[in-house]
Amino acid sequence: MWRDYLARHVAAKRKPRTLEGYETLLRLHILPVVGAMRVTDVRRWQVSQLHSGIASPGAANRALRLVSAIWNFAEREFDDLDLGRNPARGIALNRETGRERFLSADELERLGEALDRAATIGLPYNIDETKANAKHAPKPENRIRQIDPLGVAAIRLLLLTGARLREILNAKWTYIDAERGLLNLPDSKTGAKHIVLSRAALGILDGLPKFEDCDFIFPGRSGHVPRTDLKGPWSAVTQAAGLDGLRLHDLRHSFASIGASGGLGLPVIGKLLGHSTPAMTARYSHFSAEAARDAANQIGDSISDALNRRVGAKILASKR
């Protein structure tokens, strides 16, 4: 049944990465527990044990949802099966801790400084002093290495656009509409989308080289495929900035939080991020509320100042 579900539903209608994720969940967690059972024999207590036996709360919840999805697929597609109640229904999901991290003004400044140094003089690196060849290494003050300039540029674009990693690394020069300031993606996690390019983002793109016989903005080593990741430059930059644990995806959250804090409405932020539903943008509502509160305070202070000036003038006039 699960093979049928993957072939007829997931492979045909979902992204390849979704298919890979489902296959991993099945192989590691679901099939070892209920894979040998007939679908009509699976019971709620067995699915509950499956769910509680997975160490990662997030993976356990995804496995539970997948079991439920396969059951619903079977119910829709095979009328002759007497399946009964979905065995995954009613099992409480684990509480998952959100991983969103937003750069503060100080952290953003440190990141910018590290990116500038990476693009110019290079960044310091550490060595294992316990190794035998450590004595031949340069002195600590001379341990500076150049950082891939294309990698640095890609990091800047991620922060300036709020785009996802693959949306930037898979982008081609032909996707850019410089006149309208758009990066037109024919496909993404949410389908075709338009990423708005600010003046700063367009400035970075204008400074990048174009490689012969390669349409990718950030090509891989072969020149015929896009770059696979930014692990090397990102590790060096975050280490230099003292931002251990910061993920590339946190740049997307920071882009949105800065917009919300600046007074942009959630619909505008959702449009910039390419969210398919308003609920996806709701996580930034508290930043929007803070911006509204700041605006209310500014208006209130202005009104209070005006009222106090009028009252003060009357008091001075009465004393005269």
Protein backbone atom coordinates (compact mmCIF):
# COMPACT_ATOMS: atom_id res chain seq x y z
CA MET A 1 0.00 0.00 0.00
CA TRP A 2 2.76 2.45 0.84
CA ARG A 3 4.48 1.75 -2.50
CA ASP A 4 1.20 2.46 -4.26
CA TYR A 5 0.77 5.68 -2.30
CA LEU A 6 4.27 6.93 -3.15
CA ALA A 7 4.00 6.02 -6.83
CA ARG A 8 0.47 7.21 -7.57
CA HIS A 9 0.18 10.17 -5.23
CA VAL A 10 3.50 11.51 -3.96
CA ALA A 11 5.72 11.01 -7.02
CA ALA A 12 3.01 12.34 -9.31
CA LYS A 13 1.94 15.37 -7.27
CA ARG A 14 4.69 16.37 -4.84
CA LYS A 15 8.26 17.65 -5.04
CA PRO A 16 11.12 15.12 -5.35
CA ARG A 17 12.46 16.17 -1.94
CA THR A 18 9.07 15.38 -0.40
CA LEU A 19 9.22 11.91 -1.90
CA GLU A 20 12.73 11.41 -0.51
CA GLY A 21 11.59 12.53 2.94
CA TYR A 22 8.65 10.12 2.94
CA GLU A 23 10.86 7.25 1.81
CA THR A 24 13.25 7.98 4.69
CA LEU A 25 10.43 8.06 7.25
CA LEU A 26 9.10 4.74 5.97
CA ARG A 27 12.48 3.05 5.90
CA LEU A 28 13.68 4.23 9.32
CA HIS A 29 10.53 4.36 11.41
CA ILE A 30 7.30 3.04 9.90
CA LEU A 31 8.15 -0.16 8.03
CA PRO A 32 10.18 -1.70 10.88
CA VAL A 33 7.05 -1.52 13.06
CA VAL A 34 4.04 -2.11 10.79
CA GLY A 35 5.56 -2.75 7.37
CA ALA A 36 4.89 -6.50 7.38
CA MET A 37 1.26 -6.10 8.46
CA ARG A 38 -1.79 -6.00 6.24
CA VAL A 39 -3.17 -2.47 6.20
CA THR A 40 -6.52 -3.71 7.50
CA ASP A 41 -4.82 -5.22 10.56
CA VAL A 42 -3.02 -2.09 11.77
CA ARG A 43 -4.47 -0.84 15.03
CA ARG A 44 -4.31 2.45 16.89
CA TRP A 45 -2.18 1.12 19.76
CA GLN A 46 0.47 -0.05 17.29
CA VAL A 47 0.61 3.35 15.59
CA SER A 48 0.75 5.00 19.02
CA GLN A 49 3.75 2.84 19.94
CA LEU A 50 5.37 3.68 16.61
CA HIS A 51 4.90 7.40 17.32
CA SER A 52 6.17 7.27 20.91
CA GLY A 53 9.17 5.13 19.92
CA ILE A 54 10.75 7.79 17.70
CA ALA A 55 13.23 9.93 19.61
CA SER A 56 12.85 13.11 17.54
CA PRO A 57 9.49 14.84 18.27
CA GLY A 58 9.37 16.30 14.77
CA ALA A 59 10.18 13.04 13.00
CA ALA A 60 7.61 11.23 15.15
CA ASN A 61 4.91 13.71 14.15
CA ARG A 62 5.83 13.47 10.46
CA ALA A 63 5.70 9.67 10.63
CA LEU A 64 2.27 9.80 12.27
CA ARG A 65 0.96 12.14 9.57
CA LEU A 66 2.36 9.88 6.87
CA VAL A 67 0.66 6.79 8.32
CA SER A 68 -2.59 8.76 8.37
CA ALA A 69 -2.09 9.93 4.78
CA ILE A 70 -1.45 6.40 3.51
CA TRP A 71 -4.57 5.18 5.32
CA ASN A 72 -6.69 7.98 3.81
CA PHE A 73 -5.26 7.18 0.37
CA ALA A 74 -6.24 3.53 0.75
CA GLU A 75 -9.72 4.56 1.88
CA ARG A 76 -10.21 6.75 -1.19
CA GLU A 77 -8.72 4.41 -3.77
CA PHE A 78 -9.96 0.99 -2.68
CA ASP A 79 -13.69 0.84 -2.03
CA ASP A 80 -13.64 -2.91 -1.38
CA LEU A 81 -11.38 -2.56 1.66
CA ASP A 82 -13.12 -2.45 5.02
CA LEU A 83 -10.58 -0.23 6.77
CA GLY A 84 -12.60 1.15 9.62
CA ARG A 85 -11.28 4.05 11.67
CA ASN A 86 -7.96 5.63 10.76
CA PRO A 87 -5.54 4.24 13.42
CA ALA A 88 -3.53 7.48 13.45
CA ARG A 89 -6.56 9.61 14.26
CA GLY A 90 -6.76 10.90 17.81
CA ILE A 91 -3.09 10.33 18.71
CA ALA A 92 -1.74 13.55 20.22
CA LEU A 93 1.16 15.10 18.35
CA ASN A 94 4.40 15.85 20.18
CA ARG A 95 5.09 19.42 21.14
CA GLU A 96 7.78 20.75 18.84
CA THR A 97 10.11 23.56 19.85
CA GLY A 98 10.27 26.28 17.23
CA ARG A 99 13.73 26.91 15.80
CA GLU A 100 13.15 30.39 14.42
CA ARG A 101 16.00 32.74 15.19
CA PHE A 102 16.01 36.41 14.31
CA LEU A 103 19.13 38.51 14.05
CA SER A 104 19.29 41.46 16.43
CA ALA A 105 20.67 44.80 15.26
CA ASP A 106 24.03 43.99 16.89
CA GLU A 107 24.16 40.51 15.32
CA LEU A 108 23.27 41.92 11.93
CA GLU A 109 26.10 44.43 12.24
CA ARG A 110 28.57 41.69 13.18
CA LEU A 111 27.42 39.55 10.27
CA GLY A 112 27.86 42.47 7.88
CA GLU A 113 31.36 43.13 9.16
CA ALA A 114 32.32 39.47 8.75
CA LEU A 115 30.93 39.40 5.20
CA ASP A 116 32.89 42.54 4.32
CA ARG A 117 36.10 41.05 5.67
CA ALA A 118 35.43 37.74 3.91
CA ALA A 119 35.04 39.57 0.59
CA THR A 120 38.22 41.65 1.04
CA ILE A 121 41.07 40.68 3.35
CA GLY A 122 39.78 37.22 4.30
CA LEU A 123 38.87 35.66 7.64
CA PRO A 124 40.92 34.06 10.43
CA TYR A 125 40.94 30.30 10.85
CA ASN A 126 41.88 27.93 13.66
CA ILE A 127 44.08 24.83 13.63
CA ASP A 128 44.45 21.87 15.93
CA GLU A 129 47.47 22.82 18.04
CA THR A 130 47.84 19.23 19.27
CA LYS A 131 48.76 17.85 15.86
CA ALA A 132 52.40 17.29 14.94
CA ASN A 133 52.39 19.61 11.93
CA ALA A 134 50.84 22.50 13.92
CA LYS A 135 54.33 23.90 14.62
CA HIS A 136 54.76 24.56 10.91
CA ALA A 137 51.53 26.52 10.63
CA PRO A 138 51.53 30.33 10.36
CA LYS A 139 51.40 32.36 13.54
CA PRO A 140 47.86 33.01 14.84
CA GLU A 141 47.87 36.62 13.64
CA ASN A 142 48.75 35.42 10.13
CA ARG A 143 46.12 32.69 9.87
CA ILE A 144 43.91 34.42 7.33
CA ARG A 145 42.20 32.67 4.42
CA GLN A 146 40.32 34.02 1.44
CA ILE A 147 36.63 33.14 1.26
CA ASP A 148 34.91 32.21 -1.98
CA PRO A 149 33.47 35.54 -3.24
CA LEU A 150 30.53 33.85 -4.96
CA GLY A 151 29.62 32.14 -1.70
CA VAL A 152 29.73 35.48 0.14
CA ALA A 153 27.54 37.06 -2.55
CA ALA A 154 25.00 34.23 -2.26
CA ILE A 155 24.79 34.74 1.52
CA ARG A 156 24.17 38.45 1.01
CA LEU A 157 21.39 37.69 -1.49
CA LEU A 158 19.72 35.29 0.94
CA LEU A 159 19.58 38.03 3.56
CA LEU A 160 18.48 40.75 1.13
CA THR A 161 15.69 38.73 -0.48
CA GLY A 162 14.39 36.39 2.21
CA ALA A 163 14.65 33.60 -0.36
CA ARG A 164 15.22 29.95 0.41
CA LEU A 165 18.69 28.48 -0.17
CA ARG A 166 17.80 26.43 -3.25
CA GLU A 167 15.87 29.33 -4.76
CA ILE A 168 19.10 31.33 -4.89
CA LEU A 169 21.56 28.54 -5.70
CA ASN A 170 19.36 27.09 -8.48
CA ALA A 171 18.66 30.49 -10.04
CA LYS A 172 19.69 31.22 -13.61
CA TRP A 173 20.60 34.51 -15.26
CA THR A 174 17.62 34.09 -17.57
CA TYR A 175 15.29 34.27 -14.55
CA ILE A 176 16.27 37.89 -13.81
CA ASP A 177 14.05 40.73 -14.96
CA ALA A 178 16.31 43.66 -14.07
CA GLU A 179 13.91 46.26 -15.45
CA ARG A 180 11.11 45.20 -13.11
CA GLY A 181 13.47 44.07 -10.33
CA LEU A 182 12.30 40.47 -10.20
CA LEU A 183 13.80 37.01 -10.01
CA ASN A 184 11.19 34.88 -11.78
CA LEU A 185 11.42 31.29 -10.56
CA PRO A 186 9.59 28.73 -12.72
CA ASP A 187 9.43 26.41 -9.71
CA SER A 188 10.00 26.52 -5.97
CA LYS A 189 8.72 24.88 -2.80
CA THR A 190 5.38 26.62 -3.36
CA GLY A 191 5.43 26.51 -7.17
CA ALA A 192 6.28 29.32 -9.59
CA LYS A 193 7.06 32.58 -7.76
CA HIS A 194 8.54 36.03 -8.20
CA ILE A 195 11.24 37.19 -5.79
CA VAL A 196 11.40 40.97 -5.54
CA LEU A 197 14.96 42.26 -5.93
CA SER A 198 15.81 45.41 -4.01
CA ARG A 199 18.37 47.93 -5.27
CA ALA A 200 20.92 46.35 -2.94
CA ALA A 201 20.21 42.86 -4.31
CA LEU A 202 20.42 44.06 -7.92
CA GLY A 203 23.73 45.74 -7.07
CA ILE A 204 25.18 42.42 -5.90
CA LEU A 205 23.97 40.63 -9.04
CA ASP A 206 25.44 43.36 -11.26
CA GLY A 207 28.86 42.72 -9.72
CA LEU A 208 28.88 38.96 -10.30
CA PRO A 209 30.77 37.34 -13.18
CA LYS A 210 29.01 35.35 -15.89
CA PHE A 211 30.59 32.10 -16.98
CA GLU A 212 30.66 30.88 -20.55
CA ASP A 213 28.29 28.00 -21.34
CA CYS A 214 26.75 28.21 -17.86
CA ASP A 215 23.45 29.93 -17.15
CA PHE A 216 23.52 29.39 -13.38
CA ILE A 217 24.27 32.47 -11.28
CA PHE A 218 26.11 30.32 -8.75
CA PRO A 219 27.55 27.37 -10.69
CA GLY A 220 29.06 24.26 -9.18
CA ARG A 221 32.62 23.19 -9.90
CA SER A 222 31.73 21.52 -13.16
CA GLY A 223 30.01 24.65 -14.40
CA HIS A 224 27.05 22.66 -15.72
CA VAL A 225 25.05 22.30 -12.50
CA PRO A 226 24.22 24.74 -9.70
CA ARG A 227 26.24 24.99 -6.53
CA THR A 228 25.16 22.42 -3.96
CA ASP A 229 25.63 24.32 -0.69
CA LEU A 230 27.24 27.22 1.19
CA LYS A 231 28.60 25.24 4.14
CA GLY A 232 32.22 26.38 3.80
CA PRO A 233 31.73 30.16 3.54
CA TRP A 234 28.81 30.13 5.99
CA SER A 235 30.85 28.32 8.64
CA ALA A 236 33.75 30.76 8.26
CA VAL A 237 31.53 33.85 8.32
CA THR A 238 29.42 32.82 11.34
CA GLN A 239 32.53 31.81 13.27
CA ALA A 240 34.15 35.18 12.58
CA ALA A 241 30.95 37.00 13.57
CA GLY A 242 30.50 34.98 16.76
CA LEU A 243 27.14 33.66 15.60
CA ASP A 244 27.51 29.97 16.36
CA GLY A 245 24.34 28.01 15.69
CA LEU A 246 22.91 30.52 13.23
CA ARG A 247 21.40 28.72 10.23
CA LEU A 248 21.19 30.00 6.69
CA HIS A 249 17.40 29.68 6.91
CA ASP A 250 17.46 32.11 9.85
CA LEU A 251 18.35 34.83 7.33
CA ARG A 252 14.88 34.34 5.82
CA HIS A 253 13.28 34.76 9.25
CA SER A 254 15.40 37.85 9.89
CA PHE A 255 14.38 39.40 6.55
CA ALA A 256 10.72 39.00 7.52
CA SER A 257 11.17 40.20 11.10
CA ILE A 258 12.99 43.35 9.96
CA GLY A 259 10.14 44.10 7.56
CA ALA A 260 7.49 43.54 10.23
CA SER A 261 9.39 45.64 12.76
CA GLY A 262 9.60 48.41 10.17
CA GLY A 263 5.83 48.57 9.86
CA LEU A 264 5.25 46.44 6.78
CA GLY A 265 1.95 44.61 6.93
CA LEU A 266 1.85 40.83 7.14
CA PRO A 267 0.24 40.51 3.67
CA VAL A 268 3.19 42.38 2.15
CA ILE A 269 5.71 40.22 4.01
CA GLY A 270 3.88 37.08 2.95
CA LYS A 271 4.02 38.27 -0.65
CA LEU A 272 7.77 38.92 -0.42
CA LEU A 273 8.42 35.49 1.09
CA GLY A 274 6.12 33.71 -1.36
CA HIS A 275 3.89 32.25 1.34
CA SER A 276 0.89 30.38 -0.02
CA THR A 277 -1.36 31.10 2.98
CA PRO A 278 -1.61 33.94 5.56
CA ALA A 279 -1.11 31.38 8.34
CA MET A 280 2.49 30.88 7.22
CA THR A 281 3.21 34.57 7.84
CA ALA A 282 1.44 34.70 11.21
CA ARG A 283 4.64 33.81 13.09
CA TYR A 284 5.85 37.38 12.48
CA SER A 285 2.70 39.01 13.90
CA HIS A 286 4.38 40.00 17.16
CA PHE A 287 6.97 42.04 15.24
CA SER A 288 4.14 43.75 13.38
CA ALA A 289 2.40 44.47 16.70
CA GLU A 290 5.60 46.01 18.08
CA ALA A 291 5.86 48.28 15.04
CA ALA A 292 2.23 49.35 15.51
CA ARG A 293 2.91 50.03 19.20
CA ASP A 294 5.94 52.17 18.33
CA ALA A 295 3.86 54.10 15.82
CA ALA A 296 1.11 54.60 18.42
CA ASN A 297 3.69 55.85 20.92
CA GLN A 298 5.08 58.34 18.39
CA ILE A 299 1.59 59.65 17.62
CA GLY A 300 0.71 59.77 21.30
CA ASP A 301 3.90 61.67 22.15
CA SER A 302 3.25 64.19 19.39
CA ILE A 303 -0.31 64.79 20.58
CA SER A 304 0.81 65.05 24.21
CA ASP A 305 3.53 67.53 23.29
CA ALA A 306 1.03 69.65 21.41
CA LEU A 307 -1.46 69.57 24.30
CA ASN A 308 1.25 70.42 26.83
CA ARG A 309 2.47 73.35 24.73
CA ARG A 310 -1.07 74.79 24.67
CA VAL A 311 -1.49 74.32 28.41
CA GLY A 312 1.95 75.80 29.10
CA ALA A 313 1.18 78.84 26.99
CA LYS A 314 -2.05 79.49 28.92
CA ILE A 315 -0.25 79.21 32.25
CA LEU A 316 2.39 81.74 31.17
CA ALA A 317 -0.30 84.11 29.91
CA SER A 318 -2.21 83.95 33.20
CA LYS A 319 0.95 84.75 35.19
CA ARG A 320 1.54 87.84 33.13
